């Protein structure tokens, strides 16, 4: 049988007083393990969308970004009318600067010329994250 489910949240401290054991439960401090941050760039690509960009992202952009130890992932979502969202996942806030040093000029050379207008970006700590289980289909 595995550890008690409350063990992650509470630490038991026992003190013996006479014939009785007194147990106090105190809340453990929140761990930062597994925290992740994201930078989300909202952009509109010129129409028709040059789908060569997706291959360039896979073969050139991703290997560059993955060189940084704080890099955790990337998604590029293509919506209707050329609207696209790039989501860059990284471990700590300062990792974004390091990743930007590796891929910033790549973005300027490969994505910026394909934009129909200015992009907007937000970044922050991911506070809720759930990845559904992968199902294999044949």
N, C-alpha and C. Protein backbone atom coordinates (compact mmCIF):
# COMPACT_ATOMS: atom_id res chain seq x y z
N UNK A 1 0.84 -1.18 0.00
CA UNK A 1 0.00 0.00 0.00
C UNK A 1 0.88 1.24 0.00
N UNK A 2 0.52 2.25 -0.77
CA UNK A 2 1.32 3.46 -0.91
C UNK A 2 1.20 4.37 0.31
N UNK A 3 1.91 5.49 0.29
CA UNK A 3 1.87 6.42 1.41
C UNK A 3 0.48 7.03 1.57
N UNK A 4 0.18 7.44 2.78
CA UNK A 4 -1.11 8.06 3.06
C UNK A 4 -1.28 9.30 2.19
N UNK A 5 -2.50 9.54 1.67
CA UNK A 5 -2.69 10.67 0.76
C UNK A 5 -2.42 12.02 1.41
N UNK A 6 -2.56 12.14 2.69
CA UNK A 6 -2.32 13.42 3.37
C UNK A 6 -0.86 13.67 3.63
N UNK A 7 -0.02 12.67 3.43
CA UNK A 7 1.39 12.80 3.77
C UNK A 7 2.08 13.91 2.98
N UNK A 8 1.64 14.13 1.75
CA UNK A 8 2.22 15.20 0.95
C UNK A 8 1.93 16.57 1.56
N UNK A 9 0.76 16.72 2.16
CA UNK A 9 0.38 18.04 2.66
C UNK A 9 0.76 18.29 4.11
N UNK A 10 0.83 17.24 4.89
CA UNK A 10 1.07 17.42 6.31
C UNK A 10 2.25 16.60 6.78
N UNK A 11 2.94 17.10 7.78
CA UNK A 11 4.05 16.40 8.38
C UNK A 11 3.68 16.17 9.85
N UNK A 12 3.74 14.93 10.27
CA UNK A 12 3.39 14.62 11.66
C UNK A 12 4.62 14.76 12.53
N UNK A 13 4.44 15.42 13.65
CA UNK A 13 5.51 15.58 14.63
C UNK A 13 4.98 15.06 15.95
N UNK A 14 5.60 14.03 16.48
CA UNK A 14 5.12 13.45 17.73
C UNK A 14 6.01 13.81 18.90
N UNK A 15 5.37 14.07 20.04
CA UNK A 15 6.11 14.30 21.28
C UNK A 15 5.49 13.41 22.34
N UNK A 16 6.31 12.76 23.07
CA UNK A 16 5.82 11.89 24.13
C UNK A 16 5.75 12.71 25.41
N UNK A 17 4.56 12.72 26.04
CA UNK A 17 4.34 13.42 27.30
C UNK A 17 3.75 12.41 28.28
N UNK A 18 4.56 11.91 29.19
CA UNK A 18 4.06 10.88 30.11
C UNK A 18 3.75 9.62 29.34
N UNK A 19 2.51 9.14 29.50
CA UNK A 19 2.13 7.91 28.81
C UNK A 19 1.43 8.19 27.49
N UNK A 20 1.26 9.44 27.15
CA UNK A 20 0.52 9.78 25.93
C UNK A 20 1.46 10.35 24.87
N UNK A 21 1.19 10.03 23.65
CA UNK A 21 1.93 10.63 22.54
C UNK A 21 1.06 11.74 21.96
N UNK A 22 1.62 12.90 21.86
CA UNK A 22 0.90 14.03 21.29
C UNK A 22 1.38 14.22 19.87
N UNK A 23 0.48 14.22 18.95
CA UNK A 23 0.83 14.40 17.54
C UNK A 23 0.25 15.71 17.06
N UNK A 24 1.10 16.53 16.47
CA UNK A 24 0.65 17.79 15.88
C UNK A 24 0.81 17.68 14.38
N UNK A 25 -0.16 18.19 13.68
CA UNK A 25 -0.06 18.23 12.23
C UNK A 25 0.19 19.68 11.84
N UNK A 26 1.19 19.87 11.03
CA UNK A 26 1.42 21.23 10.53
C UNK A 26 1.55 21.17 9.03
N UNK A 27 1.05 22.17 8.40
CA UNK A 27 1.03 22.22 6.94
C UNK A 27 2.45 22.41 6.42
N UNK A 28 2.81 21.59 5.45
CA UNK A 28 4.11 21.74 4.80
C UNK A 28 4.06 22.96 3.88
N UNK A 29 5.19 23.63 3.73
CA UNK A 29 5.19 24.73 2.78
C UNK A 29 4.99 24.20 1.37
N UNK A 30 4.33 25.00 0.54
CA UNK A 30 4.09 24.60 -0.85
C UNK A 30 5.42 24.44 -1.56
N UNK A 31 5.52 23.36 -2.31
CA UNK A 31 6.74 23.13 -3.08
C UNK A 31 6.59 23.77 -4.44
N UNK A 32 7.69 24.27 -4.95
CA UNK A 32 7.68 24.88 -6.27
C UNK A 32 8.02 23.87 -7.36
N UNK A 33 8.29 22.63 -6.95
CA UNK A 33 8.60 21.61 -7.94
C UNK A 33 7.46 21.51 -8.93
N UNK A 34 7.82 21.37 -10.17
CA UNK A 34 6.80 21.18 -11.19
C UNK A 34 6.12 22.46 -11.63
N UNK A 35 6.53 23.61 -11.08
CA UNK A 35 5.90 24.85 -11.54
C UNK A 35 6.38 25.13 -12.96
N UNK A 36 5.53 25.77 -13.70
CA UNK A 36 5.86 26.07 -15.08
C UNK A 36 5.29 27.45 -15.42
N UNK A 37 5.92 28.12 -16.34
CA UNK A 37 5.49 29.43 -16.79
C UNK A 37 5.24 29.35 -18.29
N UNK A 38 4.48 30.31 -18.80
CA UNK A 38 4.18 30.32 -20.23
C UNK A 38 4.24 31.74 -20.76
N UNK A 39 4.69 31.83 -21.99
CA UNK A 39 4.63 33.08 -22.75
C UNK A 39 3.73 32.79 -23.94
N UNK A 40 2.67 33.57 -24.08
CA UNK A 40 1.67 33.33 -25.11
C UNK A 40 1.69 34.51 -26.07
N UNK A 41 1.95 34.22 -27.34
CA UNK A 41 2.01 35.26 -28.36
C UNK A 41 0.82 35.07 -29.30
N UNK A 42 0.01 36.11 -29.41
CA UNK A 42 -1.17 36.13 -30.27
C UNK A 42 -0.79 36.92 -31.52
N UNK A 43 -0.94 36.30 -32.67
CA UNK A 43 -0.52 36.95 -33.91
C UNK A 43 -1.46 36.59 -35.05
N UNK A 44 -1.41 37.39 -36.11
CA UNK A 44 -2.17 37.08 -37.31
C UNK A 44 -1.18 37.00 -38.46
N UNK A 45 -1.18 35.84 -39.13
CA UNK A 45 -0.30 35.62 -40.27
C UNK A 45 -0.98 36.11 -41.54
N UNK A 46 -0.17 36.55 -42.50
CA UNK A 46 -0.70 36.95 -43.80
C UNK A 46 -1.34 35.76 -44.48
N UNK A 47 -2.40 36.03 -45.21
CA UNK A 47 -3.07 34.98 -45.99
C UNK A 47 -2.55 34.99 -47.41
N UNK A 48 -2.43 33.88 -48.09
CA UNK A 48 -2.61 32.54 -47.52
C UNK A 48 -1.43 32.21 -46.59
N UNK A 49 -1.71 31.42 -45.58
CA UNK A 49 -0.69 31.05 -44.60
C UNK A 49 0.36 30.16 -45.27
N UNK A 50 1.59 30.53 -45.10
CA UNK A 50 2.72 29.76 -45.64
C UNK A 50 3.01 28.60 -44.69
N UNK A 51 2.54 27.42 -45.05
CA UNK A 51 2.67 26.27 -44.16
C UNK A 51 4.09 25.75 -44.03
N UNK A 52 5.02 26.27 -44.82
CA UNK A 52 6.43 25.94 -44.65
C UNK A 52 6.90 26.37 -43.25
N UNK A 53 6.27 27.41 -42.73
CA UNK A 53 6.60 27.89 -41.39
C UNK A 53 6.52 26.77 -40.35
N UNK A 54 5.54 25.90 -40.45
CA UNK A 54 5.36 24.85 -39.44
C UNK A 54 6.53 23.87 -39.45
N UNK A 55 7.03 23.55 -40.64
CA UNK A 55 8.23 22.70 -40.74
C UNK A 55 9.44 23.42 -40.16
N UNK A 56 9.56 24.72 -40.44
CA UNK A 56 10.68 25.50 -39.91
C UNK A 56 10.64 25.54 -38.39
N UNK A 57 9.43 25.67 -37.83
CA UNK A 57 9.29 25.65 -36.37
C UNK A 57 9.79 24.31 -35.80
N UNK A 58 9.38 23.22 -36.44
CA UNK A 58 9.78 21.88 -35.95
C UNK A 58 11.27 21.63 -36.09
N UNK A 59 11.83 21.98 -37.24
CA UNK A 59 13.21 21.58 -37.53
C UNK A 59 14.27 22.58 -37.09
N UNK A 60 13.90 23.84 -36.91
CA UNK A 60 14.90 24.86 -36.59
C UNK A 60 14.62 25.56 -35.26
N UNK A 61 13.40 26.06 -35.09
CA UNK A 61 13.06 26.79 -33.87
C UNK A 61 13.14 25.90 -32.62
N UNK A 62 12.45 24.76 -32.66
CA UNK A 62 12.39 23.89 -31.48
C UNK A 62 13.76 23.39 -31.03
N UNK A 63 14.64 22.92 -31.92
CA UNK A 63 15.96 22.50 -31.45
C UNK A 63 16.75 23.64 -30.81
N UNK A 64 16.59 24.86 -31.31
CA UNK A 64 17.29 26.02 -30.70
C UNK A 64 16.75 26.27 -29.29
N UNK A 65 15.42 26.32 -29.16
CA UNK A 65 14.82 26.59 -27.85
C UNK A 65 15.16 25.49 -26.86
N UNK A 66 15.19 24.25 -27.32
CA UNK A 66 15.45 23.11 -26.44
C UNK A 66 16.87 23.10 -25.89
N UNK A 67 17.75 23.90 -26.43
CA UNK A 67 19.11 24.00 -25.90
C UNK A 67 19.12 24.60 -24.50
N UNK A 68 18.11 25.38 -24.17
CA UNK A 68 18.05 26.02 -22.85
C UNK A 68 17.48 25.04 -21.83
N UNK A 69 18.13 24.92 -20.69
CA UNK A 69 17.72 23.96 -19.66
C UNK A 69 16.32 24.24 -19.11
N UNK A 70 15.87 25.49 -19.16
CA UNK A 70 14.55 25.83 -18.62
C UNK A 70 13.41 25.64 -19.59
N UNK A 71 13.71 25.31 -20.84
CA UNK A 71 12.68 25.11 -21.86
C UNK A 71 11.85 23.88 -21.50
N UNK A 72 10.50 24.00 -21.56
CA UNK A 72 9.61 22.88 -21.21
C UNK A 72 8.67 22.47 -22.33
N UNK A 73 8.57 23.28 -23.38
CA UNK A 73 7.69 22.87 -24.48
C UNK A 73 7.22 24.06 -25.29
N UNK A 74 6.54 23.74 -26.37
CA UNK A 74 6.04 24.77 -27.28
C UNK A 74 4.87 24.22 -28.06
N UNK A 75 3.85 25.03 -28.25
CA UNK A 75 2.75 24.71 -29.14
C UNK A 75 2.51 25.91 -30.04
N UNK A 76 2.07 25.61 -31.25
CA UNK A 76 1.70 26.65 -32.19
C UNK A 76 0.33 26.28 -32.72
N UNK A 77 -0.64 27.13 -32.45
CA UNK A 77 -2.03 26.84 -32.79
C UNK A 77 -2.45 27.75 -33.94
N UNK A 78 -2.91 27.14 -35.02
CA UNK A 78 -3.39 27.91 -36.16
C UNK A 78 -4.91 27.89 -36.14
N UNK A 79 -5.51 29.08 -36.05
CA UNK A 79 -6.97 29.22 -36.03
C UNK A 79 -7.42 29.71 -37.41
N UNK A 80 -8.63 30.20 -37.48
CA UNK A 80 -9.18 30.70 -38.74
C UNK A 80 -8.60 32.05 -39.11
N UNK A 81 -8.63 32.34 -40.40
CA UNK A 81 -8.23 33.64 -40.94
C UNK A 81 -6.78 34.02 -40.60
N UNK A 82 -5.91 33.02 -40.47
CA UNK A 82 -4.50 33.28 -40.23
C UNK A 82 -4.14 33.59 -38.79
N UNK A 83 -5.11 33.59 -37.92
CA UNK A 83 -4.81 33.85 -36.51
C UNK A 83 -4.02 32.69 -35.94
N UNK A 84 -2.96 32.98 -35.22
CA UNK A 84 -2.10 31.94 -34.65
C UNK A 84 -1.70 32.32 -33.22
N UNK A 85 -1.53 31.30 -32.41
CA UNK A 85 -1.12 31.48 -31.02
C UNK A 85 0.11 30.61 -30.79
N UNK A 86 1.19 31.22 -30.34
CA UNK A 86 2.39 30.48 -29.96
C UNK A 86 2.47 30.43 -28.44
N UNK A 87 2.65 29.24 -27.90
CA UNK A 87 2.73 29.07 -26.44
C UNK A 87 4.07 28.44 -26.12
N UNK A 88 4.90 29.19 -25.42
CA UNK A 88 6.22 28.73 -25.02
C UNK A 88 6.19 28.42 -23.52
N UNK A 89 6.54 27.20 -23.14
CA UNK A 89 6.54 26.77 -21.75
C UNK A 89 7.96 26.77 -21.21
N UNK A 90 8.15 27.30 -20.02
CA UNK A 90 9.49 27.35 -19.42
C UNK A 90 9.36 27.23 -17.90
N UNK A 91 10.48 26.90 -17.26
CA UNK A 91 10.44 26.57 -15.84
C UNK A 91 10.34 27.78 -14.92
N UNK A 92 11.24 28.71 -15.04
CA UNK A 92 11.30 29.88 -14.15
C UNK A 92 11.19 31.16 -14.98
N UNK A 93 10.71 32.26 -14.37
CA UNK A 93 10.55 33.50 -15.13
C UNK A 93 11.82 33.94 -15.86
N UNK A 94 12.98 33.78 -15.22
CA UNK A 94 14.22 34.23 -15.85
C UNK A 94 14.63 33.35 -17.04
N UNK A 95 14.06 32.16 -17.17
CA UNK A 95 14.37 31.29 -18.31
C UNK A 95 13.91 31.91 -19.63
N UNK A 96 12.86 32.70 -19.59
CA UNK A 96 12.35 33.31 -20.82
C UNK A 96 13.42 34.17 -21.48
N UNK A 97 14.19 34.92 -20.68
CA UNK A 97 15.26 35.75 -21.25
C UNK A 97 16.31 34.90 -21.96
N UNK A 98 16.70 33.79 -21.33
CA UNK A 98 17.69 32.90 -21.95
C UNK A 98 17.19 32.26 -23.22
N UNK A 99 15.94 31.84 -23.22
CA UNK A 99 15.35 31.22 -24.41
C UNK A 99 15.23 32.27 -25.52
N UNK A 100 14.85 33.49 -25.15
CA UNK A 100 14.73 34.57 -26.13
C UNK A 100 16.08 34.86 -26.79
N UNK A 101 17.16 34.78 -26.01
CA UNK A 101 18.48 34.99 -26.61
C UNK A 101 18.78 33.92 -27.68
N UNK A 102 18.26 32.71 -27.48
CA UNK A 102 18.49 31.63 -28.44
C UNK A 102 17.60 31.71 -29.68
N UNK A 103 16.36 32.20 -29.52
CA UNK A 103 15.40 32.15 -30.64
C UNK A 103 14.85 33.50 -31.07
N UNK A 104 15.22 34.57 -30.39
CA UNK A 104 14.66 35.89 -30.72
C UNK A 104 14.93 36.32 -32.14
N UNK A 105 16.16 36.16 -32.60
CA UNK A 105 16.47 36.56 -33.98
C UNK A 105 15.78 35.63 -34.97
N UNK A 106 15.63 34.35 -34.57
CA UNK A 106 14.92 33.41 -35.45
C UNK A 106 13.48 33.89 -35.64
N UNK A 107 12.83 34.31 -34.57
CA UNK A 107 11.46 34.83 -34.66
C UNK A 107 11.42 36.03 -35.60
N UNK A 108 12.35 36.94 -35.43
CA UNK A 108 12.38 38.14 -36.28
C UNK A 108 12.61 37.80 -37.75
N UNK A 109 13.43 36.78 -38.01
CA UNK A 109 13.75 36.41 -39.39
C UNK A 109 12.67 35.55 -40.06
N UNK A 110 11.98 34.71 -39.29
CA UNK A 110 11.08 33.72 -39.89
C UNK A 110 9.59 34.00 -39.68
N UNK A 111 9.24 34.58 -38.55
CA UNK A 111 7.81 34.81 -38.28
C UNK A 111 7.42 36.26 -38.56
N UNK A 112 8.20 37.21 -38.10
CA UNK A 112 7.85 38.62 -38.26
C UNK A 112 7.52 39.00 -39.71
N UNK A 113 8.28 38.54 -40.71
CA UNK A 113 7.93 38.91 -42.10
C UNK A 113 6.59 38.33 -42.57
N UNK A 114 6.09 37.31 -41.89
CA UNK A 114 4.83 36.67 -42.29
C UNK A 114 3.62 37.26 -41.55
N UNK A 115 3.85 38.21 -40.66
CA UNK A 115 2.75 38.76 -39.87
C UNK A 115 1.97 39.82 -40.64
N UNK A 116 0.64 39.82 -40.43
CA UNK A 116 -0.23 40.81 -41.05
C UNK A 116 -0.29 42.09 -40.21
N UNK A 117 0.11 42.01 -38.97
CA UNK A 117 0.09 43.16 -38.06
C UNK A 117 0.90 42.85 -36.82
N UNK A 118 0.89 43.76 -35.87
CA UNK A 118 1.68 43.53 -34.66
C UNK A 118 1.12 42.39 -33.81
N UNK A 119 2.01 41.69 -33.12
CA UNK A 119 1.60 40.62 -32.23
C UNK A 119 1.46 41.16 -30.81
N UNK A 120 0.72 40.45 -29.98
CA UNK A 120 0.64 40.79 -28.56
C UNK A 120 1.12 39.57 -27.77
N UNK A 121 1.69 39.84 -26.62
CA UNK A 121 2.22 38.74 -25.80
C UNK A 121 1.86 38.95 -24.34
N UNK A 122 1.60 37.84 -23.69
CA UNK A 122 1.43 37.83 -22.23
C UNK A 122 2.29 36.69 -21.69
N UNK A 123 2.69 36.84 -20.45
CA UNK A 123 3.47 35.77 -19.83
C UNK A 123 3.14 35.70 -18.36
N UNK A 124 3.32 34.51 -17.80
CA UNK A 124 3.04 34.35 -16.39
C UNK A 124 3.17 32.91 -15.95
N UNK A 125 2.89 32.70 -14.68
CA UNK A 125 2.95 31.37 -14.07
C UNK A 125 1.67 30.62 -14.39
N UNK A 126 1.80 29.37 -14.77
CA UNK A 126 0.64 28.53 -15.04
C UNK A 126 0.11 28.06 -13.69
N UNK A 127 -1.14 28.39 -13.38
CA UNK A 127 -1.70 28.05 -12.07
C UNK A 127 -2.62 26.84 -12.12
N UNK A 128 -3.11 26.48 -13.29
CA UNK A 128 -3.91 25.26 -13.47
C UNK A 128 -3.43 24.62 -14.77
N UNK A 129 -3.09 23.36 -14.69
CA UNK A 129 -2.57 22.66 -15.87
C UNK A 129 -2.99 21.21 -15.79
N UNK A 130 -3.65 20.72 -16.82
CA UNK A 130 -4.04 19.32 -16.88
C UNK A 130 -3.85 18.85 -18.30
N UNK A 131 -3.05 17.83 -18.46
CA UNK A 131 -2.85 17.24 -19.77
C UNK A 131 -3.63 15.95 -19.82
N UNK A 132 -4.56 15.82 -20.76
CA UNK A 132 -5.35 14.59 -20.82
C UNK A 132 -4.47 13.41 -21.20
N UNK A 133 -4.85 12.22 -20.78
CA UNK A 133 -4.07 11.05 -21.17
C UNK A 133 -4.11 10.85 -22.68
N UNK A 134 -3.03 10.34 -23.22
CA UNK A 134 -2.97 10.10 -24.66
C UNK A 134 -3.64 8.77 -24.98
N UNK A 135 -4.45 8.78 -26.01
CA UNK A 135 -5.10 7.55 -26.46
C UNK A 135 -4.53 7.18 -27.81
N UNK A 136 -4.16 5.95 -27.96
CA UNK A 136 -3.62 5.48 -29.23
C UNK A 136 -4.77 5.01 -30.10
N UNK A 137 -4.84 5.56 -31.29
CA UNK A 137 -5.87 5.12 -32.23
C UNK A 137 -5.19 4.52 -33.45
N UNK A 138 -5.85 3.56 -34.03
CA UNK A 138 -5.27 2.91 -35.22
C UNK A 138 -6.13 3.16 -36.43
